[in-house]
Each structure stands twice: as structure tokens, then as C-alpha cells.
Amino acid sequence: MSLELSSHLPGGFQIRHRLLGIYQGNAIELAFWHPSSGMPEHGLCRFTTKEKAESYRAYLCSLSCPEPLDEQDLAIEPYDLATHEELINEHPLHSAWETPL
């Protein structure tokens, strides 16, 4: 299951880095990108509007970001629902109630 409940809906936007891949989200102040993150179970990050995606791209390129990126490396594109579904179906997160064997 995706970390974002609305991410299974059609529409929206995503951010792609020309070398690292599609933005997946942040953890411990580090950005994760598919496929370079090696964490496909998180799926892709869906921005509901192009303005929100542009705002986050601006942040990723700002001095406020722990690891600022070059704006020329980032593109905003329509959300790839098929890739998101493939990632979360092939790499599901384990339930907190499950005990590994």
C-alpha cells in the first residue's frame, strides 16, 4: 500500500531527476528517487497540482534544501500511475503486525 492514500488516483504530477529518477519522498532529510533509491516499496510521490510540484522543485534547488540540486536536472511531468502501481505491488511494505519468519 502506498504511503499516500490519494496516490492511486489518476492525474497529478511527479518530479523526475534526469539521472536519479522519479522523486519518491524524503526521509531523514534525504530525497529518495526511483530507481536509484533502491526503495521501490514506497512508490512514487504524487503532487496534486503542477504548482505544488513546481514549489517543491524550487525547494529542492534552494539553499534551504540539505542537498540542493540543479534546476536543469529536474522536470515536472504527469504522474505515472502504472509505474507507481507496479512498484507497490511488486515490493509491498510489511504490516507492522506481521512477524518475519
Protein backbone atom coordinates (compact mmCIF):
# COMPACT_ATOMS: atom_id res chain seq x y z
CA MET A 1 0.00 0.00 0.00
CA SER A 2 1.21 3.48 -0.80
CA LEU A 3 2.18 5.89 1.93
CA GLU A 4 -0.15 8.46 0.37
CA LEU A 5 -3.77 7.31 0.20
CA SER A 6 -4.64 9.54 -2.77
CA SER A 7 -1.69 8.36 -4.86
CA HIS A 8 -3.76 5.63 -6.53
CA LEU A 9 -6.00 8.23 -8.18
CA PRO A 10 -5.48 9.34 -11.79
CA GLY A 11 -3.96 12.72 -12.53
CA GLY A 12 -1.36 14.70 -10.66
CA PHE A 13 2.31 15.38 -11.28
CA GLN A 14 5.70 14.00 -10.36
CA ILE A 15 9.24 15.30 -10.35
CA ARG A 16 11.94 13.48 -12.32
CA HIS A 17 15.69 13.98 -11.94
CA ARG A 18 17.48 13.35 -15.24
CA LEU A 19 19.99 10.95 -13.61
CA LEU A 20 18.45 9.77 -10.33
CA GLY A 21 14.89 9.02 -11.44
CA ILE A 22 11.41 9.90 -10.15
CA TYR A 23 11.02 11.57 -6.75
CA GLN A 24 9.65 9.19 -4.10
CA GLY A 25 9.76 11.30 -0.96
CA ASN A 26 12.09 12.26 1.88
CA ALA A 27 13.37 10.51 4.97
CA ILE A 28 15.98 11.77 7.41
CA GLU A 29 16.37 14.89 5.22
CA LEU A 30 17.43 12.80 2.21
CA ALA A 31 15.45 12.63 -1.02
CA PHE A 32 14.70 9.21 -2.49
CA TRP A 33 14.45 8.65 -6.25
CA HIS A 34 13.24 5.63 -8.22
CA PRO A 35 15.12 3.60 -9.35
CA SER A 36 18.35 4.90 -7.80
CA SER A 37 17.00 4.85 -4.23
CA GLY A 38 16.72 1.09 -4.09
CA MET A 39 13.50 1.57 -2.09
CA PRO A 40 10.74 0.82 -4.64
CA GLU A 41 8.24 -0.24 -1.98
CA HIS A 42 7.46 3.41 -1.29
CA GLY A 43 6.10 4.04 -4.79
CA LEU A 44 6.18 7.49 -6.37
CA CYS A 45 5.33 10.84 -4.82
CA ARG A 46 2.22 12.39 -6.40
CA PHE A 47 1.71 16.16 -6.36
CA THR A 48 -1.96 17.07 -6.81
CA THR A 49 -1.23 20.23 -8.80
CA LYS A 50 1.55 21.43 -11.07
CA GLU A 51 2.00 24.43 -8.78
CA LYS A 52 2.75 22.14 -5.81
CA ALA A 53 5.28 20.20 -7.89
CA GLU A 54 6.90 23.45 -9.05
CA SER A 55 7.04 24.70 -5.47
CA TYR A 56 8.78 21.53 -4.33
CA ARG A 57 11.19 21.65 -7.28
CA ALA A 58 12.09 25.19 -6.19
CA TYR A 59 12.76 23.91 -2.67
CA LEU A 60 14.94 21.04 -3.94
CA CYS A 61 17.09 23.62 -5.76
CA SER A 62 17.24 26.14 -2.91
CA LEU A 63 19.84 26.69 -0.22
CA SER A 64 17.19 25.58 2.30
CA CYS A 65 17.50 22.02 0.98
CA PRO A 66 20.21 19.92 2.69
CA GLU A 67 21.40 18.69 -0.72
CA PRO A 68 20.45 21.37 -3.30
CA LEU A 69 20.04 20.17 -6.89
CA ASP A 70 20.49 21.89 -10.24
CA GLU A 71 17.09 23.06 -11.53
CA GLN A 72 18.11 22.00 -15.05
CA ASP A 73 18.20 18.37 -13.84
CA LEU A 74 14.58 18.38 -12.64
CA ALA A 75 11.47 18.06 -14.79
CA ILE A 76 7.80 18.09 -13.86
CA GLU A 77 5.73 15.54 -15.71
CA PRO A 78 2.33 13.83 -15.44
CA TYR A 79 2.13 11.31 -12.61
CA ASP A 80 3.00 7.77 -13.74
CA LEU A 81 0.23 5.73 -12.09
CA ALA A 82 1.28 2.50 -13.86
CA THR A 83 4.85 2.69 -12.52
CA HIS A 84 3.58 3.55 -9.03
CA GLU A 85 1.21 0.56 -9.01
CA GLU A 86 3.93 -1.74 -10.30
CA LEU A 87 6.35 -0.64 -7.58
CA ILE A 88 3.99 -1.02 -4.64
CA ASN A 89 2.57 -4.33 -5.92
CA GLU A 90 5.97 -5.90 -6.54
CA HIS A 91 7.53 -4.50 -3.34
CA PRO A 92 4.81 -4.26 -0.67
CA LEU A 93 5.58 -2.87 2.75
CA HIS A 94 5.22 -5.44 5.50
CA SER A 95 2.47 -4.88 8.02
CA ALA A 96 3.55 -3.84 11.49
CA TRP A 97 1.53 -6.84 12.72
CA GLU A 98 3.46 -9.38 10.67
CA THR A 99 6.38 -11.19 12.21
CA PRO A 100 9.21 -12.04 9.81
CA LEU A 101 10.00 -15.76 9.63
